Protein backbone atom coordinates (compact mmCIF):
# COMPACT_ATOMS: atom_id res chain seq x y z
CA MET A 1 -0.21 -0.05 -0.16
CA THR A 2 1.54 3.33 -0.77
CA LEU A 3 1.17 6.10 0.97
CA GLY A 4 -1.48 7.91 -1.53
CA ASP A 5 -3.35 4.68 -0.91
CA ALA A 6 -2.94 4.93 2.83
CA THR A 7 -4.29 8.86 2.79
CA ARG A 8 -7.04 7.67 0.81
CA ALA A 9 -8.41 5.08 2.40
CA LEU A 10 -8.03 7.09 5.94
CA VAL A 11 -10.19 9.81 4.50
CA VAL A 12 -12.44 7.49 3.57
CA VAL A 13 -12.63 5.84 7.16
CA LEU A 14 -12.66 9.31 8.30
CA LEU A 15 -15.70 10.71 6.18
CA ALA A 16 -17.49 6.80 6.67
CA VAL A 17 -17.53 7.58 10.70
CA LEU A 18 -18.69 10.90 10.34
CA VAL A 19 -21.76 10.24 8.32
CA VAL A 20 -22.46 6.67 10.55
CA VAL A 21 -21.86 8.34 13.95
CA VAL A 22 -23.01 12.44 13.38
CA GLY A 23 -25.28 11.80 10.15
CA PRO A 24 -28.14 9.65 11.90
CA LEU A 25 -27.77 11.83 15.16
CA LEU A 26 -28.75 15.20 13.05
CA VAL A 27 -31.27 13.58 10.89
CA ALA A 28 -32.73 12.17 14.18
CA ALA A 29 -32.80 15.57 15.43
CA ASP A 30 -34.23 17.23 12.75
CA ILE A 31 -36.97 14.58 12.54
CA VAL A 32 -38.06 14.79 16.11
CA GLY A 33 -37.85 18.60 16.30
CA ALA A 34 -35.05 18.53 18.66
CA ASP A 35 -33.36 21.87 19.11
CA ILE A 36 -29.95 21.07 18.76
CA SER A 37 -28.77 24.10 17.51
CA ASP A 38 -30.58 26.50 14.67
CA GLU A 39 -29.16 24.72 11.48
CA ALA A 40 -30.16 21.31 12.14
CA GLY A 41 -31.87 21.20 8.26
CA LEU A 42 -28.43 22.61 7.19
CA GLY A 43 -26.42 19.41 9.12
CA ALA A 44 -28.49 17.18 7.49
CA GLY A 45 -27.82 18.31 4.44
CA LEU A 46 -23.99 18.48 4.85
CA VAL A 47 -24.62 14.54 6.12
CA MET A 48 -26.28 13.36 2.85
CA ALA A 49 -23.64 15.68 0.82
CA LEU A 50 -21.09 13.27 2.80
CA TYR A 51 -22.81 10.26 1.99
CA GLY A 52 -22.77 11.61 -1.53
CA ILE A 53 -18.99 12.24 -1.42
CA VAL A 54 -18.41 8.46 0.31
CA CYS A 55 -20.67 6.79 -2.37
CA ALA A 56 -18.76 8.25 -4.71
CA LEU A 57 -15.53 7.69 -3.78
CA TRP A 58 -16.59 4.23 -2.88
CA ALA A 59 -17.62 4.14 -6.68
CA GLN A 60 -14.65 5.47 -8.51
CA ASN A 61 -12.31 2.76 -6.53
CA THR A 62 -14.70 0.14 -7.20
CA GLU A 63 -14.51 1.04 -11.31
CA ARG A 64 -18.47 2.04 -11.07
CA ASN A 65 -20.04 6.08 -12.06
CA ALA A 66 -19.05 8.23 -9.58
CA SER A 67 -20.94 10.46 -10.41
CA ALA A 68 -24.59 8.68 -10.31
CA TRP A 69 -23.23 6.99 -6.87
CA PHE A 70 -22.82 10.29 -5.92
CA LEU A 71 -26.31 11.75 -6.68
CA GLY A 72 -27.71 8.27 -5.01
CA GLY A 73 -25.63 8.81 -1.73
CA LEU A 74 -27.12 12.69 -1.70
CA ILE A 75 -30.64 11.70 -2.27
CA PHE A 76 -30.98 8.04 -1.05
CA GLY A 77 -28.36 8.56 1.86
CA PRO A 78 -27.66 5.14 3.37
CA LEU A 79 -29.44 3.47 1.44
CA ALA A 80 -27.31 3.86 -1.32
CA GLY A 81 -24.49 3.16 0.57
CA LEU A 82 -26.03 -0.69 1.33
CA LEU A 83 -27.22 -1.03 -2.38
CA LEU A 84 -23.46 -0.28 -3.83
CA LEU A 85 -21.97 -2.64 -0.39
CA TYR A 86 -24.22 -5.32 -1.74
CA SER A 87 -23.05 -4.68 -5.57
CA ASN A 88 -19.46 -4.66 -4.26
CA SER A 89 -20.34 -7.90 -2.55
CA ARG A 90 -21.61 -9.74 -5.16
CA ASP A 91 -18.59 -8.82 -7.87
CA ARG A 92 -16.26 -10.16 -5.16
CA ARG A 93 -18.61 -13.28 -4.87
CA LYS A 94 -18.54 -13.73 -9.16
CA GLU A 95 -14.76 -12.99 -8.60
CA LEU A 96 -14.28 -15.35 -6.68
CA LEU A 97 -15.96 -18.24 -7.85
CA ALA A 98 -14.46 -17.47 -11.11
CA TRP A 99 -11.00 -17.54 -9.52
CA ALA A 100 -11.83 -21.43 -8.09
CA GLU A 101 -13.05 -22.35 -11.47
CA GLU A 102 -9.75 -21.81 -12.85
CA GLU A 103 -7.50 -23.09 -10.16
CA ARG A 104 -10.06 -25.97 -10.43
CA ALA A 105 -9.69 -26.02 -14.18
CA ARG A 106 -5.24 -25.11 -14.01
CA ARG A 107 -5.25 -28.54 -11.31
CA GLU A 108 -7.37 -30.99 -13.53
CA GLY A 109 -5.18 -30.18 -16.82
CA ALA A 110 -2.15 -30.61 -14.76
């Protein structure tokens, strides 16, 4: 792992922690009308923008359309992240099955 990869991973982890921990608190406070601050709606909007950024970074790192995933994260928030997680796990499973099939064919041919 290079320094650039480590930095990118750290940024993604920090954004994810911010989105997962702070985001639901701000959104819940906005829904129930709690007076955390006068800008609770702005805070919820910023959290949704962070969801969009995290989804876009994740999509870009997995060779997906970052713009579309940014908009999905911006509009749908954590649901877009869950869908992206599911898509990535399905892709990884396909890669693993293809690798296992190649290994089996290589062993039978040897």
